[in-house]
Protein backbone atom coordinates (compact mmCIF):
# COMPACT_ATOMS: atom_id res chain seq x y z
CA MET A 1 -21.27 -1.01 -21.65
CA ARG A 2 -18.07 -0.55 -19.60
CA SER A 3 -19.94 1.12 -16.72
CA LEU A 4 -22.52 -1.68 -16.73
CA LEU A 5 -19.76 -4.31 -16.51
CA SER A 6 -18.13 -2.38 -13.67
CA TRP A 7 -21.45 -2.14 -11.83
CA LEU A 8 -22.09 -5.87 -12.26
CA TYR A 9 -18.57 -6.73 -11.08
CA LYS A 10 -18.95 -4.47 -8.04
CA ALA A 11 -22.28 -6.15 -7.20
CA TYR A 12 -20.62 -9.55 -7.56
CA LEU A 13 -17.78 -8.54 -5.20
CA MET A 14 -20.17 -7.12 -2.60
CA THR A 15 -22.24 -10.32 -2.70
CA THR A 16 -19.19 -12.57 -2.54
CA PHE A 17 -17.41 -10.84 0.35
CA ARG A 18 -20.46 -9.34 2.14
CA ASP A 19 -19.44 -7.50 5.34
CA ARG A 20 -15.74 -8.10 4.64
CA LEU A 21 -15.80 -5.59 1.77
CA SER A 22 -17.12 -2.02 1.97
CA ILE A 23 -17.06 0.12 -1.20
CA ALA A 24 -18.54 3.62 -1.36
CA SER A 25 -21.39 3.96 -3.84
CA ASP A 26 -19.52 6.36 -6.16
CA VAL A 27 -16.44 4.12 -6.58
CA ILE A 28 -16.16 2.31 -9.90
CA ILE A 29 -14.35 -1.03 -9.77
CA PRO A 30 -12.78 -2.18 -13.06
CA TRP A 31 -13.54 -5.79 -13.91
CA SER A 32 -9.76 -6.46 -14.06
CA ALA A 33 -9.31 -5.63 -10.36
CA THR A 34 -8.57 -8.60 -8.10
CA PHE A 35 -9.78 -8.83 -4.49
CA ILE A 36 -8.57 -11.48 -2.03
CA ILE A 37 -10.19 -11.30 1.42
CA ASP A 38 -10.04 -14.01 4.09
CA ASN A 39 -13.03 -14.69 6.34
CA ASP A 40 -11.34 -12.87 9.26
CA SER A 41 -10.15 -9.83 7.27
CA SER A 42 -11.65 -6.76 5.59
CA ILE A 43 -11.19 -4.07 2.96
CA CYS A 44 -12.82 -0.63 3.06
CA ILE A 45 -12.80 1.75 0.08
CA ARG A 46 -14.18 5.21 0.85
CA ARG A 47 -15.95 7.74 -1.39
CA GLY A 48 -14.24 9.39 -4.32
CA VAL A 49 -11.55 6.72 -4.75
CA ALA A 50 -10.43 6.22 -8.37
CA ILE A 51 -9.16 2.77 -9.29
CA ARG A 52 -7.51 1.98 -12.62
CA GLU A 53 -7.23 -1.41 -14.28
CA SER A 54 -5.40 -4.53 -13.10
CA ILE A 55 -4.88 -3.76 -9.41
CA GLU A 56 -4.80 -6.34 -6.61
CA LEU A 57 -6.10 -5.62 -3.11
CA ARG A 58 -5.52 -8.37 -0.56
CA ALA A 59 -6.44 -8.71 3.13
CA THR A 60 -5.59 -12.02 4.77
CA ARG A 61 -4.88 -13.55 8.18
CA ASN A 62 -6.94 -11.20 10.38
CA SER A 63 -5.93 -7.94 8.65
CA HIS A 64 -7.61 -4.73 7.49
CA LEU A 65 -6.95 -2.58 4.42
CA GLU A 66 -8.52 0.88 4.27
CA ILE A 67 -8.33 3.31 1.36
CA ARG A 68 -9.56 6.73 2.45
CA GLU A 69 -11.44 9.39 0.48
CA GLU A 70 -10.29 10.64 -2.94
CA VAL A 71 -7.28 8.33 -3.25
CA ARG A 72 -6.10 7.60 -6.81
CA LEU A 73 -4.68 4.17 -7.66
CA ASP A 74 -2.96 3.77 -11.03
CA ARG A 75 -2.70 0.48 -12.97
CA TYR A 76 -0.88 -2.67 -11.82
CA ILE A 77 -0.75 -1.77 -8.13
CA ARG A 78 -0.69 -4.50 -5.45
CA ILE A 79 -1.53 -3.69 -1.82
CA ILE A 80 -1.38 -6.50 0.73
CA ALA A 81 -2.41 -6.54 4.40
CA THR A 82 -1.62 -9.79 6.23
CA ASN A 83 -0.51 -11.21 9.62
CA SER A 84 -2.99 -9.24 11.78
CA THR A 85 -1.88 -5.88 10.38
CA LYS A 86 -3.54 -2.67 9.22
CA VAL A 87 -2.76 -0.91 5.97
CA LEU A 88 -4.13 2.64 5.77
CA ILE A 89 -3.89 4.83 2.68
CA GLY A 90 -4.62 8.43 3.70
CA ARG A 91 -7.07 10.81 2.03
CA ARG A 92 -6.11 12.31 -1.38
CA THR A 93 -2.99 10.15 -1.72
CA ARG A 94 -1.84 9.32 -5.27
CA ILE A 95 -0.14 5.99 -5.98
CA GLY A 96 1.64 5.48 -9.29
CA LEU A 97 1.84 2.67 -11.81
CA GLY A 98 3.19 -0.69 -10.67
CA SER A 99 3.72 0.12 -6.99
CA VAL A 100 3.65 -2.68 -4.40
CA PHE A 101 2.84 -2.35 -0.69
CA ASN A 102 3.72 -5.59 1.10
CA GLY A 103 1.96 -5.28 4.46
CA GLY A 104 3.23 -8.11 6.66
CA GLY A 105 3.72 -5.25 9.15
CA ASN A 106 1.51 -2.17 9.48
CA ILE A 107 1.64 0.46 6.72
CA THR A 108 0.31 3.98 7.29
CA ILE A 109 0.37 6.54 4.48
CA GLY A 110 -0.52 10.10 5.52
CA GLU A 111 -2.99 12.16 3.52
CA ASN A 112 -1.99 14.23 0.48
CA THR A 113 1.01 12.01 -0.24
CA LEU A 114 2.43 11.50 -3.73
CA ILE A 115 3.83 8.05 -4.47
CA SER A 116 5.37 7.72 -7.92
CA GLY A 117 5.45 4.61 -10.10
CA TYR A 118 7.15 1.37 -9.15
CA VAL A 119 7.56 2.23 -5.47
CA TYR A 120 8.02 -0.77 -3.16
CA LEU A 121 7.11 -0.68 0.54
CA GLN A 122 8.50 -3.87 2.09
CA THR A 123 7.52 -4.60 5.71
CA SER A 124 9.05 -8.08 5.89
CA MET A 125 12.51 -9.54 5.42
CA HIS A 126 13.79 -13.11 5.41
CA ASN A 127 15.21 -14.05 8.80
CA HIS A 128 18.86 -14.77 8.03
CA THR A 129 19.97 -15.04 11.68
CA THR A 130 18.78 -18.61 12.29
CA PRO A 131 20.94 -21.71 11.72
CA LEU A 132 18.46 -22.78 9.03
CA ASP A 133 18.81 -22.05 5.34
CA ILE A 134 17.44 -18.56 4.67
CA MET A 135 14.45 -19.85 2.77
CA ASP A 136 13.44 -21.95 5.83
CA GLY A 137 14.20 -19.32 8.51
CA GLY A 138 10.88 -17.48 8.37
CA TYR A 139 10.45 -13.72 8.34
CA VAL A 140 10.91 -10.67 10.54
CA TYR A 141 8.48 -7.77 10.27
CA GLY A 142 8.45 -4.03 10.88
CA ASP A 143 6.04 -1.17 10.30
CA ILE A 144 6.29 1.63 7.72
CA THR A 145 4.83 5.10 8.23
CA ILE A 146 4.89 7.83 5.59
CA GLY A 147 4.02 11.28 6.94
CA LYS A 148 1.35 13.55 5.51
CA GLY A 149 2.21 15.53 2.40
CA SER A 150 5.30 13.50 1.48
CA TRP A 151 6.58 12.60 -1.99
CA LEU A 152 8.27 9.33 -2.96
CA GLY A 153 10.03 9.40 -6.34
CA VAL A 154 9.92 6.65 -8.94
CA HIS A 155 11.50 3.27 -8.02
CA VAL A 156 11.88 4.10 -4.31
CA VAL A 157 12.23 1.10 -1.96
CA ILE A 158 11.38 1.44 1.73
CA PHE A 159 12.37 -1.27 4.20
CA PRO A 160 10.75 -2.32 7.52
CA ASP A 161 10.85 -0.11 10.64
CA VAL A 162 10.97 3.17 8.71
CA THR A 163 9.06 6.33 9.62
CA LEU A 164 9.21 9.36 7.34
CA GLY A 165 8.05 12.63 8.90
CA GLN A 166 5.54 14.94 7.22
CA LYS A 167 6.51 16.54 3.90
CA THR A 168 9.52 14.29 3.38
CA VAL A 169 10.85 14.03 -0.19
CA VAL A 170 12.55 10.80 -1.27
CA GLY A 171 14.50 10.98 -4.54
CA SER A 172 14.06 8.48 -7.36
CA ASN A 173 15.75 5.08 -6.97
CA ALA A 174 16.49 5.66 -3.26
CA VAL A 175 16.63 2.72 -0.85
CA VAL A 176 15.35 3.85 2.56
CA THR A 177 16.64 1.73 5.44
CA ARG A 178 16.12 4.16 8.35
CA SER A 179 13.73 6.87 9.53
CA PHE A 180 13.94 10.60 8.69
CA GLU A 181 12.48 13.71 10.32
CA ALA A 182 9.77 15.92 8.82
CA LYS A 183 10.68 18.01 5.75
CA SER A 184 13.80 15.97 5.00
CA VAL A 185 14.97 15.63 1.40
CA VAL A 186 16.69 12.26 1.05
CA GLY A 187 18.19 10.12 -1.68
CA GLY A 188 20.78 7.48 -2.49
CA ILE A 189 21.53 3.88 -1.56
CA PRO A 190 21.17 3.77 1.35
CA ALA A 191 19.20 6.99 1.57
CA LYS A 192 20.73 9.94 3.42
CA VAL A 193 19.76 13.59 3.89
CA LEU A 194 20.53 15.71 0.82
CA ASN A 195 19.51 19.19 2.03
């Protein structure tokens, strides 16, 4: 019964979003998954992707979200692409429970990357440099790139304009405000090199 409901929901999504949504034939979409796709945006989910319950995938304002082959998405994940950006989740990446990717800037996750639970990738910040109240000052954006084969521990937060080189390890609860070279081991608030 569950697989029939998933098949029907997938058929409904494909009919609703048409060419704005591409889902490989072997991907099962739980009925609790939420998709939000504007008329000028798109989402592509490639073969072998595993999606758990209660995720939200959103592409708005001329943006594209692509989830490459064999990615695993745990429950309660939200991934947003907006403001003419691209969000790319690389092949065989694993994303843990409750993680949020806020793509007001571009987000690129390299293949074979491990992202633990409750990780937050934040590509936008309130613009606090205007004479206006902060809530009226708009936003500033920056891109985030996570290199191939990296590992982000639980509760990591990554801010805009950060690039992590390949095979970077970020310790649990770290707040990453700047870029690090390949094979760095970093942690702390703000994050710094530990090795």
